[in-house]
Amino acid sequence: SLFFDAFWCSYKDNPLEGHNVIIASFCPQVFGLYVVKLCICLALVGGVQYVDESGTCVRGDCHLLLVGDPVSLPYTY
């Protein structure tokens, strides 16, 4: 699409900056937690494709396990 091409054309010199813009725009009310947001985006976009009995290409299930509360990491109990 034109928007996709224009977006990546504006970040052709630094594609990681464009990558960071996409991750930052995903769930913007969650501040920080960049790695968690990256993992969720990859789980939503990724997946293994398979062909079912009728010959239709189907996206496989996505699985994501988030363990722990990042807020409690600095504390020791």
Protein backbone atom coordinates (compact mmCIF):
# COMPACT_ATOMS: atom_id res chain seq x y z
CA SER A 1 0.00 0.00 0.00
CA LEU A 2 1.03 3.61 -0.35
CA PHE A 3 1.09 4.23 3.39
CA PHE A 4 3.37 1.24 3.99
CA ASP A 5 5.78 2.29 1.24
CA ALA A 6 5.80 5.92 2.38
CA PHE A 7 6.42 4.91 6.00
CA TRP A 8 9.41 2.71 5.22
CA CYS A 9 10.72 5.16 2.63
CA SER A 10 10.93 7.79 5.37
CA TYR A 11 13.00 5.36 7.49
CA LYS A 12 15.13 3.86 4.72
CA ASP A 13 18.35 5.23 6.26
CA ASN A 14 17.52 3.90 9.72
CA PRO A 15 15.01 1.02 9.61
CA LEU A 16 15.40 0.29 13.33
CA GLU A 17 13.98 3.72 14.09
CA GLY A 18 10.90 2.83 12.02
CA HIS A 19 10.72 -0.45 13.91
CA ASN A 20 10.77 1.46 17.20
CA VAL A 21 7.97 3.76 16.01
CA ILE A 22 5.77 0.75 15.27
CA ILE A 23 6.47 -0.84 18.66
CA ALA A 24 5.90 2.46 20.50
CA SER A 25 2.55 2.95 18.75
CA PHE A 26 1.36 -0.49 19.82
CA CYS A 27 -0.63 -0.07 23.05
CA PRO A 28 0.71 3.44 23.78
CA GLN A 29 -0.96 3.62 27.21
CA VAL A 30 1.58 1.04 28.42
CA PHE A 31 4.69 3.12 28.99
CA GLY A 32 8.00 1.36 28.72
CA LEU A 33 8.00 -2.44 28.64
CA TYR A 34 9.48 -2.29 25.14
CA VAL A 35 10.52 -5.96 25.09
CA VAL A 36 7.08 -7.12 26.24
CA LYS A 37 5.37 -5.04 23.56
CA LEU A 38 7.81 -6.38 20.96
CA CYS A 39 7.04 -9.98 22.00
CA ILE A 40 3.29 -9.40 21.79
CA CYS A 41 3.60 -7.80 18.35
CA LEU A 42 5.71 -10.68 17.08
CA ALA A 43 3.26 -13.22 18.49
CA LEU A 44 0.34 -11.45 16.79
CA VAL A 45 2.06 -11.04 13.43
CA GLY A 46 4.02 -14.28 13.36
CA GLY A 47 2.84 -17.82 13.32
CA VAL A 48 3.30 -21.00 11.39
CA GLN A 49 1.20 -21.47 8.29
CA TYR A 50 -0.27 -24.86 7.50
CA VAL A 51 -2.66 -26.27 4.90
CA ASP A 52 -5.84 -27.91 6.14
CA GLU A 53 -7.70 -30.83 4.55
CA SER A 54 -9.53 -28.60 2.05
CA GLY A 55 -6.29 -27.04 0.79
CA THR A 56 -6.82 -23.72 2.52
CA CYS A 57 -3.78 -21.98 3.98
CA VAL A 58 -4.42 -21.37 7.67
CA ARG A 59 -2.33 -19.46 10.17
CA GLY A 60 -1.36 -21.55 13.14
CA ASP A 61 -2.09 -20.71 16.74
CA CYS A 62 0.02 -18.09 18.43
CA HIS A 63 1.24 -18.77 21.94
CA LEU A 64 2.68 -16.30 24.40
CA LEU A 65 3.50 -16.77 28.06
CA LEU A 66 4.25 -13.71 30.17
CA VAL A 67 5.41 -14.58 33.66
CA GLY A 68 5.86 -12.23 36.57
CA ASP A 69 5.11 -8.64 37.30
CA PRO A 70 7.79 -6.28 35.99
CA VAL A 71 6.87 -3.71 38.64
CA SER A 72 7.98 -6.02 41.44
CA LEU A 73 11.42 -6.80 39.97
CA PRO A 74 13.42 -4.23 41.99
CA TYR A 75 12.06 -5.54 45.29
CA THR A 76 13.40 -8.49 47.21
CA TYR A 77 11.11 -10.38 49.55
